[in-house]
Amino acid sequence: MLELTRRIGYENTRMKAGERWQTTIGLDLDGLTLGVLGLGKLGTRTARIAKAFGMKVIAWSQNLTPETCKEAGVDYVGKEDLFRQADFVTIHLVLSQRSRAS
């Protein structure tokens, strides 16, 4: 997300090549929305990091409940709403026949 909003990798490469640092100005993550597909162990950790950047976090998966989201401090939404509202989407689902068709 930092690469997409702030071009950190691009700026780092320029700096190592002896060019000026930060020729671009990007967006802040603060206030943007992260959509988490699959709020298990890794999805919950990712949500915590996003919240540390000031992001709003929403989540959905087939077995996810609003109670689980509340415990993790994220908002539960339907699948269509997740894709509609999220600025970024992170996927933490086990690849199976059921998740292939989701």
Protein backbone atom coordinates (compact mmCIF):
# COMPACT_ATOMS: atom_id res chain seq x y z
CA MET A 1 0.00 0.00 0.00
CA LEU A 2 2.88 2.34 0.74
CA GLU A 3 4.36 1.61 -2.66
CA LEU A 4 1.05 2.34 -4.35
CA THR A 5 0.35 5.55 -2.44
CA ARG A 6 3.85 6.94 -1.76
CA ARG A 7 6.02 5.16 -4.38
CA ILE A 8 8.52 4.18 -1.68
CA GLY A 9 10.31 1.60 -3.87
CA TYR A 10 10.63 4.02 -6.77
CA GLU A 11 11.99 6.77 -4.52
CA ASN A 12 14.40 4.36 -2.82
CA THR A 13 15.80 3.25 -6.19
CA ARG A 14 16.27 6.87 -7.26
CA MET A 15 18.04 7.74 -4.02
CA LYS A 16 20.43 4.77 -4.32
CA ALA A 17 21.22 5.88 -7.87
CA GLY A 18 22.34 9.27 -6.50
CA GLU A 19 19.25 11.19 -7.54
CA ARG A 20 17.13 13.45 -5.34
CA TRP A 21 14.86 11.82 -2.76
CA GLN A 22 11.10 12.22 -3.01
CA THR A 23 10.30 13.71 -6.36
CA THR A 24 6.70 12.54 -5.99
CA ILE A 25 4.13 13.30 -3.34
CA GLY A 26 1.61 10.58 -2.69
CA LEU A 27 -1.56 10.01 -0.76
CA ASP A 28 -1.78 9.33 2.96
CA LEU A 29 -3.21 5.97 4.01
CA ASP A 30 -5.02 7.77 6.84
CA GLY A 31 -8.72 7.81 6.04
CA LEU A 32 -8.55 5.26 3.24
CA THR A 33 -10.38 1.92 3.53
CA LEU A 34 -8.80 -1.54 3.57
CA GLY A 35 -11.04 -4.45 2.67
CA VAL A 36 -9.97 -7.77 4.22
CA LEU A 37 -11.18 -10.99 2.63
CA GLY A 38 -10.68 -13.57 5.37
CA LEU A 39 -10.22 -12.28 8.89
CA GLY A 40 -8.22 -15.15 10.33
CA LYS A 41 -4.82 -14.89 11.99
CA LEU A 42 -3.04 -13.10 9.12
CA GLY A 43 -6.05 -11.01 8.12
CA THR A 44 -6.42 -9.78 11.71
CA ARG A 45 -2.73 -8.86 11.88
CA THR A 46 -3.00 -6.99 8.60
CA ALA A 47 -6.06 -5.15 9.90
CA ARG A 48 -4.12 -4.03 12.98
CA ILE A 49 -1.34 -2.61 10.83
CA ALA A 50 -3.83 -0.78 8.61
CA LYS A 51 -5.52 0.70 11.67
CA ALA A 52 -2.10 1.92 12.91
CA PHE A 53 -1.90 3.93 9.66
CA GLY A 54 -5.32 5.41 10.41
CA MET A 55 -7.19 3.33 7.86
CA LYS A 56 -10.79 2.21 8.17
CA VAL A 57 -10.92 -1.60 7.95
CA ILE A 58 -13.83 -3.63 6.65
CA ALA A 59 -14.00 -7.41 6.29
CA TRP A 60 -15.97 -10.23 4.71
CA SER A 61 -15.67 -13.98 4.21
CA GLN A 62 -18.17 -16.80 3.95
CA ASN A 63 -17.83 -17.86 7.59
CA LEU A 64 -17.11 -14.46 9.13
CA THR A 65 -19.54 -13.09 11.69
CA PRO A 66 -20.18 -9.52 12.83
CA GLU A 67 -19.10 -10.62 16.33
CA THR A 68 -15.68 -11.75 15.09
CA CYS A 69 -15.24 -8.43 13.30
CA LYS A 70 -16.20 -6.51 16.41
CA GLU A 71 -13.58 -8.42 18.43
CA ALA A 72 -10.96 -7.47 15.84
CA GLY A 73 -12.13 -3.85 15.75
CA VAL A 74 -13.20 -3.91 12.11
CA ASP A 75 -16.54 -3.39 10.38
CA TYR A 76 -18.40 -6.37 8.94
CA VAL A 77 -19.77 -5.82 5.42
CA GLY A 78 -21.17 -7.95 2.62
CA LYS A 79 -18.90 -9.06 -0.21
CA GLU A 80 -20.28 -6.58 -2.74
CA ASP A 81 -19.99 -3.71 -0.24
CA LEU A 82 -16.39 -4.67 0.51
CA PHE A 83 -15.40 -4.34 -3.14
CA ARG A 84 -17.45 -1.17 -3.55
CA GLN A 85 -16.07 0.62 -0.46
CA ALA A 86 -12.44 -0.54 -0.23
CA ASP A 87 -9.56 1.51 -1.58
CA PHE A 88 -7.33 -1.58 -1.15
CA VAL A 89 -8.23 -5.25 -0.82
CA THR A 90 -6.08 -7.88 0.88
CA ILE A 91 -6.91 -11.58 0.49
CA HIS A 92 -6.36 -14.09 3.29
CA LEU A 93 -8.44 -17.09 2.22
CA VAL A 94 -7.48 -20.73 1.82
CA LEU A 95 -7.65 -21.56 -1.89
CA SER A 96 -10.27 -24.25 -2.24
CA GLN A 97 -13.16 -25.16 -4.52
CA ARG A 98 -15.43 -22.97 -2.39
CA SER A 99 -13.14 -19.92 -2.46
CA ARG A 100 -12.45 -20.23 -6.20
CA ALA A 101 -16.11 -19.55 -6.91
CA SER A 102 -16.45 -16.70 -4.38
